């Protein structure tokens, strides 16, 4: 499968502009999941501070996601 890094970069909401995985969604997601967190693109911009699984579950339970 061909990576669409250039297309991904156009809509990437990652705040770490120096990350080597920026625009490489499969690598980014694998990295975050190994740290029990989600990348910024899973959250609305105003809620992207705490990206932990626990924060995600609280936001879903509260109807904010």
PDB file of N, CA and C in Angstrom:
ATOM      1  N   UNK A   1       0.842  -1.169   0.000  1.00  0.00           N
ATOM      2  CA  UNK A   1       0.000   0.000   0.000  1.00  0.00           C
ATOM      3  C   UNK A   1       0.894   1.241   0.000  1.00  0.00           C
ATOM      4  N   UNK A   2       0.547   2.189  -0.820  1.00  0.00           N
ATOM      5  CA  UNK A   2       1.310   3.424  -0.923  1.00  0.00           C
ATOM      6  C   UNK A   2       0.908   4.384   0.203  1.00  0.00           C
ATOM      7  N   UNK A   3       1.895   4.979   0.851  1.00  0.00           N
ATOM      8  CA  UNK A   3       1.616   5.952   1.908  1.00  0.00           C
ATOM      9  C   UNK A   3       1.210   7.280   1.274  1.00  0.00           C
ATOM     10  N   UNK A   4       0.221   7.911   1.871  1.00  0.00           N
ATOM     11  CA  UNK A   4      -0.263   9.199   1.382  1.00  0.00           C
ATOM     12  C   UNK A   4       0.195  10.316   2.311  1.00  0.00           C
ATOM     13  N   UNK A   5       1.480  10.329   2.633  1.00  0.00           N
ATOM     14  CA  UNK A   5       2.013  11.265   3.613  1.00  0.00           C
ATOM     15  C   UNK A   5       1.721  12.721   3.256  1.00  0.00           C
ATOM     16  N   UNK A   6       1.903  13.098   2.024  1.00  0.00           N
ATOM     17  CA  UNK A   6       1.651  14.493   1.634  1.00  0.00           C
ATOM     18  C   UNK A   6       0.193  14.877   1.857  1.00  0.00           C
ATOM     19  N   UNK A   7      -0.735  13.992   1.504  1.00  0.00           N
ATOM     20  CA  UNK A   7      -2.158  14.260   1.734  1.00  0.00           C
ATOM     21  C   UNK A   7      -2.458  14.297   3.228  1.00  0.00           C
ATOM     22  N   UNK A   8      -1.844  13.395   3.980  1.00  0.00           N
ATOM     23  CA  UNK A   8      -2.064  13.357   5.423  1.00  0.00           C
ATOM     24  C   UNK A   8      -1.574  14.634   6.087  1.00  0.00           C
ATOM     25  N   UNK A   9      -0.443  15.156   5.638  1.00  0.00           N
ATOM     26  CA  UNK A   9       0.115  16.372   6.227  1.00  0.00           C
ATOM     27  C   UNK A   9      -0.833  17.560   6.083  1.00  0.00           C
ATOM     28  N   UNK A  10      -1.588  17.593   5.013  1.00  0.00           N
ATOM     29  CA  UNK A  10      -2.505  18.705   4.774  1.00  0.00           C
ATOM     30  C   UNK A  10      -3.592  18.792   5.837  1.00  0.00           C
ATOM     31  N   UNK A  11      -3.938  17.676   6.466  1.00  0.00           N
ATOM     32  CA  UNK A  11      -4.994  17.700   7.482  1.00  0.00           C
ATOM     33  C   UNK A  11      -4.511  17.257   8.868  1.00  0.00           C
ATOM     34  N   UNK A  12      -3.218  17.091   9.032  1.00  0.00           N
ATOM     35  CA  UNK A  12      -2.645  16.642  10.304  1.00  0.00           C
ATOM     36  C   UNK A  12      -2.773  17.727  11.370  1.00  0.00           C
ATOM     37  N   UNK A  13      -3.316  17.371  12.528  1.00  0.00           N
ATOM     38  CA  UNK A  13      -3.479  18.319  13.625  1.00  0.00           C
ATOM     39  C   UNK A  13      -2.432  18.123  14.715  1.00  0.00           C
ATOM     40  N   UNK A  14      -1.416  17.366  14.424  1.00  0.00           N
ATOM     41  CA  UNK A  14      -0.355  17.123  15.396  1.00  0.00           C
ATOM     42  C   UNK A  14       0.321  18.439  15.767  1.00  0.00           C
ATOM     43  N   UNK A  15       0.554  18.637  17.049  1.00  0.00           N
ATOM     44  CA  UNK A  15       1.201  19.859  17.520  1.00  0.00           C
ATOM     45  C   UNK A  15       2.719  19.749  17.509  1.00  0.00           C
ATOM     46  N   UNK A  16       3.238  18.558  17.287  1.00  0.00           N
ATOM     47  CA  UNK A  16       4.681  18.349  17.257  1.00  0.00           C
ATOM     48  C   UNK A  16       5.181  18.394  15.814  1.00  0.00           C
ATOM     49  N   UNK A  17       5.543  19.563  15.361  1.00  0.00           N
ATOM     50  CA  UNK A  17       5.941  19.742  13.965  1.00  0.00           C
ATOM     51  C   UNK A  17       7.271  19.088  13.635  1.00  0.00           C
ATOM     52  N   UNK A  18       8.027  18.677  14.639  1.00  0.00           N
ATOM     53  CA  UNK A  18       9.319  18.030  14.391  1.00  0.00           C
ATOM     54  C   UNK A  18       9.249  16.507  14.511  1.00  0.00           C
ATOM     55  N   UNK A  19       8.069  15.962  14.755  1.00  0.00           N
ATOM     56  CA  UNK A  19       7.920  14.511  14.912  1.00  0.00           C
ATOM     57  C   UNK A  19       8.231  13.793  13.598  1.00  0.00           C
ATOM     58  N   UNK A  20       9.034  12.757  13.672  1.00  0.00           N
ATOM     59  CA  UNK A  20       9.412  11.998  12.470  1.00  0.00           C
ATOM     60  C   UNK A  20       8.248  11.186  11.908  1.00  0.00           C
ATOM     61  N   UNK A  21       7.190  11.014  12.695  1.00  0.00           N
ATOM     62  CA  UNK A  21       6.013  10.250  12.254  1.00  0.00           C
ATOM     63  C   UNK A  21       4.902  11.143  11.712  1.00  0.00           C
ATOM     64  N   UNK A  22       5.136  12.436  11.677  1.00  0.00           N
ATOM     65  CA  UNK A  22       4.115  13.398  11.219  1.00  0.00           C
ATOM     66  C   UNK A  22       3.693  13.068   9.783  1.00  0.00           C
ATOM     67  N   UNK A  23       2.408  12.855   9.586  1.00  0.00           N
ATOM     68  CA  UNK A  23       1.879  12.509   8.273  1.00  0.00           C
ATOM     69  C   UNK A  23       1.937  11.019   7.957  1.00  0.00           C
ATOM     70  N   UNK A  24       2.595  10.257   8.797  1.00  0.00           N
ATOM     71  CA  UNK A  24       2.664   8.794   8.638  1.00  0.00           C
ATOM     72  C   UNK A  24       1.701   8.191   9.656  1.00  0.00           C
ATOM     73  N   UNK A  25       0.424   8.261   9.344  1.00  0.00           N
ATOM     74  CA  UNK A  25      -0.628   7.938  10.306  1.00  0.00           C
ATOM     75  C   UNK A  25      -0.478   6.557  10.942  1.00  0.00           C
ATOM     76  N   UNK A  26      -0.134   5.555  10.170  1.00  0.00           N
ATOM     77  CA  UNK A  26      -0.022   4.205  10.739  1.00  0.00           C
ATOM     78  C   UNK A  26       1.112   4.150  11.769  1.00  0.00           C
ATOM     79  N   UNK A  27       2.227   4.815  11.495  1.00  0.00           N
ATOM     80  CA  UNK A  27       3.336   4.848  12.453  1.00  0.00           C
ATOM     81  C   UNK A  27       2.980   5.677  13.678  1.00  0.00           C
ATOM     82  N   UNK A  28       2.310   6.793  13.450  1.00  0.00           N
ATOM     83  CA  UNK A  28       1.889   7.669  14.542  1.00  0.00           C
ATOM     84  C   UNK A  28       0.937   6.934  15.484  1.00  0.00           C
ATOM     85  N   UNK A  29      -0.068   6.304  14.916  1.00  0.00           N
ATOM     86  CA  UNK A  29      -1.054   5.591  15.724  1.00  0.00           C
ATOM     87  C   UNK A  29      -0.409   4.449  16.501  1.00  0.00           C
ATOM     88  N   UNK A  30       0.468   3.697  15.863  1.00  0.00           N
ATOM     89  CA  UNK A  30       1.156   2.601  16.544  1.00  0.00           C
ATOM     90  C   UNK A  30       1.966   3.126  17.727  1.00  0.00           C
ATOM     91  N   UNK A  31       2.633   4.260  17.537  1.00  0.00           N
ATOM     92  CA  UNK A  31       3.417   4.856  18.620  1.00  0.00           C
ATOM     93  C   UNK A  31       2.522   5.282  19.778  1.00  0.00           C
ATOM     94  N   UNK A  32       1.433   5.976  19.481  1.00  0.00           N
ATOM     95  CA  UNK A  32       0.536   6.424  20.536  1.00  0.00           C
ATOM     96  C   UNK A  32      -0.098   5.244  21.265  1.00  0.00           C
ATOM     97  N   UNK A  33      -0.547   4.245  20.534  1.00  0.00           N
ATOM     98  CA  UNK A  33      -1.184   3.092  21.182  1.00  0.00           C
ATOM     99  C   UNK A  33      -0.218   2.371  22.109  1.00  0.00           C
ATOM    100  N   UNK A  34       1.051   2.330  21.743  1.00  0.00           N
ATOM    101  CA  UNK A  34       2.041   1.679  22.617  1.00  0.00           C
ATOM    102  C   UNK A  34       2.237   2.460  23.911  1.00  0.00           C
ATOM    103  N   UNK A  35       1.842   3.743  23.899  1.00  0.00           N
ATOM    104  CA  UNK A  35       1.931   4.589  25.094  1.00  0.00           C
ATOM    105  C   UNK A  35       0.571   4.818  25.757  1.00  0.00           C
ATOM    106  N   UNK A  36      -0.423   4.015  25.364  1.00  0.00           N
ATOM    107  CA  UNK A  36      -1.785   4.120  25.898  1.00  0.00           C
ATOM    108  C   UNK A  36      -2.361   5.523  25.729  1.00  0.00           C
ATOM    109  N   UNK A  37      -2.189   6.063  24.517  1.00  0.00           N
ATOM    110  CA  UNK A  37      -2.750   7.377  24.217  1.00  0.00           C
ATOM    111  C   UNK A  37      -3.204   7.406  22.768  1.00  0.00           C
ATOM    112  N   UNK A  38      -3.886   8.477  22.418  1.00  0.00           N
ATOM    113  CA  UNK A  38      -4.347   8.685  21.050  1.00  0.00           C
ATOM    114  C   UNK A  38      -3.659   9.918  20.478  1.00  0.00           C
ATOM    115  N   UNK A  39      -3.495   9.977  19.155  1.00  0.00           N
ATOM    116  CA  UNK A  39      -2.944  11.189  18.545  1.00  0.00           C
ATOM    117  C   UNK A  39      -3.964  12.330  18.582  1.00  0.00           C
ATOM    118  N   UNK A  40      -3.490  13.545  18.373  1.00  0.00           N
ATOM    119  CA  UNK A  40      -4.345  14.738  18.440  1.00  0.00           C
ATOM    120  C   UNK A  40      -5.523  14.672  17.485  1.00  0.00           C
ATOM    121  N   UNK A  41      -5.381  13.986  16.350  1.00  0.00           N
ATOM    122  CA  UNK A  41      -6.445  13.969  15.350  1.00  0.00           C
ATOM    123  C   UNK A  41      -7.717  13.268  15.835  1.00  0.00           C
ATOM    124  N   UNK A  42      -7.639  12.552  16.944  1.00  0.00           N
ATOM    125  CA  UNK A  42      -8.807  11.866  17.493  1.00  0.00           C
ATOM    126  C   UNK A  42      -9.698  12.833  18.284  1.00  0.00           C
ATOM    127  N   UNK A  43      -9.120  13.940  18.729  1.00  0.00           N
ATOM    128  CA  UNK A  43      -9.823  14.894  19.580  1.00  0.00           C
ATOM    129  C   UNK A  43     -10.096  16.204  18.847  1.00  0.00           C
ATOM    130  N   UNK A  44     -11.180  16.882  19.224  1.00  0.00           N
ATOM    131  CA  UNK A  44     -11.350  18.255  18.736  1.00  0.00           C
ATOM    132  C   UNK A  44     -10.199  19.102  19.292  1.00  0.00           C
ATOM    133  N   UNK A  45      -9.768  20.119  18.571  1.00  0.00           N
ATOM    134  CA  UNK A  45      -8.612  20.925  18.977  1.00  0.00           C
ATOM    135  C   UNK A  45      -8.676  21.406  20.414  1.00  0.00           C
ATOM    136  N   UNK A  46      -9.841  21.839  20.867  1.00  0.00           N
ATOM    137  CA  UNK A  46      -9.951  22.387  22.221  1.00  0.00           C
ATOM    138  C   UNK A  46      -9.860  21.315  23.313  1.00  0.00           C
ATOM    139  N   UNK A  47      -9.914  20.044  22.947  1.00  0.00           N
ATOM    140  CA  UNK A  47      -9.873  18.967  23.936  1.00  0.00           C
ATOM    141  C   UNK A  47      -8.640  18.074  23.794  1.00  0.00           C
ATOM    142  N   UNK A  48      -7.642  18.506  23.063  1.00  0.00           N
ATOM    143  CA  UNK A  48      -6.514  17.633  22.741  1.00  0.00           C
ATOM    144  C   UNK A  48      -5.383  17.661  23.761  1.00  0.00           C
ATOM    145  N   UNK A  49      -5.586  18.265  24.926  1.00  0.00           N
ATOM    146  CA  UNK A  49      -4.510  18.339  25.921  1.00  0.00           C
ATOM    147  C   UNK A  49      -4.094  16.982  26.468  1.00  0.00           C
ATOM    148  N   UNK A  50      -5.002  16.303  27.136  1.00  0.00           N
ATOM    149  CA  UNK A  50      -4.734  14.976  27.714  1.00  0.00           C
ATOM    150  C   UNK A  50      -5.223  13.940  26.713  1.00  0.00           C
ATOM    151  N   UNK A  51      -4.298  13.210  26.124  1.00  0.00           N
ATOM    152  CA  UNK A  51      -4.650  12.259  25.061  1.00  0.00           C
ATOM    153  C   UNK A  51      -4.688  10.804  25.536  1.00  0.00           C
ATOM    154  N   UNK A  52      -4.767  10.608  26.840  1.00  0.00           N
ATOM    155  CA  UNK A  52      -4.765   9.251  27.387  1.00  0.00           C
ATOM    156  C   UNK A  52      -6.061   8.514  27.065  1.00  0.00           C
ATOM    157  N   UNK A  53      -5.998   7.185  27.152  1.00  0.00           N
ATOM    158  CA  UNK A  53      -7.198   6.361  26.973  1.00  0.00           C
ATOM    159  C   UNK A  53      -8.265   6.787  27.977  1.00  0.00           C
ATOM    160  N   UNK A  54      -7.830   7.065  29.208  1.00  0.00           N
ATOM    161  CA  UNK A  54      -8.769   7.417  30.266  1.00  0.00           C
ATOM    162  C   UNK A  54      -9.489   8.730  29.953  1.00  0.00           C
ATOM    163  N   UNK A  55      -8.751   9.714  29.452  1.00  0.00           N
ATOM    164  CA  UNK A  55      -9.359  10.985  29.067  1.00  0.00           C
ATOM    165  C   UNK A  55     -10.354  10.778  27.935  1.00  0.00           C
ATOM    166  N   UNK A  56      -9.988   9.971  26.955  1.00  0.00           N
ATOM    167  CA  UNK A  56     -10.876   9.676  25.827  1.00  0.00           C
ATOM    168  C   UNK A  56     -12.168   9.052  26.351  1.00  0.00           C
ATOM    169  N   UNK A  57     -12.067   8.099  27.259  1.00  0.00           N
ATOM    170  CA  UNK A  57     -13.260   7.431  27.804  1.00  0.00           C
ATOM    171  C   UNK A  57     -14.141   8.417  28.551  1.00  0.00           C
ATOM    172  N   UNK A  58     -13.541   9.323  29.339  1.00  0.00           N
ATOM    173  CA  UNK A  58     -14.334  10.330  30.056  1.00  0.00           C
ATOM    174  C   UNK A  58     -15.075  11.252  29.092  1.00  0.00           C
ATOM    175  N   UNK A  59     -14.396  11.672  28.034  1.00  0.00           N
ATOM    176  CA  UNK A  59     -15.020  12.568  27.046  1.00  0.00           C
ATOM    177  C   UNK A  59     -16.168  11.874  26.316  1.00  0.00           C
ATOM    178  N   UNK A  60     -15.993  10.602  25.988  1.00  0.00           N
ATOM    179  CA  UNK A  60     -17.062   9.828  25.328  1.00  0.00           C
ATOM    180  C   UNK A  60     -18.244   9.688  26.293  1.00  0.00           C
ATOM    181  N   UNK A  61     -17.964   9.336  27.541  1.00  0.00           N
ATOM    182  CA  UNK A  61     -19.030   9.156  28.533  1.00  0.00           C
ATOM    183  C   UNK A  61     -19.795  10.461  28.774  1.00  0.00           C
ATOM    184  N   UNK A  62     -19.098  11.594  28.677  1.00  0.00           N
ATOM    185  CA  UNK A  62     -19.721  12.892  28.893  1.00  0.00           C
ATOM    186  C   UNK A  62     -20.413  13.423  27.643  1.00  0.00           C
ATOM    187  N   UNK A  63     -20.316  12.669  26.545  1.00  0.00           N
ATOM    188  CA  UNK A  63     -20.934  13.084  25.289  1.00  0.00           C
ATOM    189  C   UNK A  63     -20.195  14.195  24.568  1.00  0.00           C
ATOM    190  N   UNK A  64     -18.922  14.394  24.911  1.00  0.00           N
ATOM    191  CA  UNK A  64     -18.131  15.452  24.278  1.00  0.00           C
ATOM    192  C   UNK A  64     -17.404  14.973  23.019  1.00  0.00           C
ATOM    193  N   UNK A  65     -17.415  13.681  22.781  1.00  0.00           N
ATOM    194  CA  UNK A  65     -16.833  13.108  21.568  1.00  0.00           C
ATOM    195  C   UNK A  65     -17.854  12.225  20.907  1.00  0.00           C
TER     196      UNK A  65
END
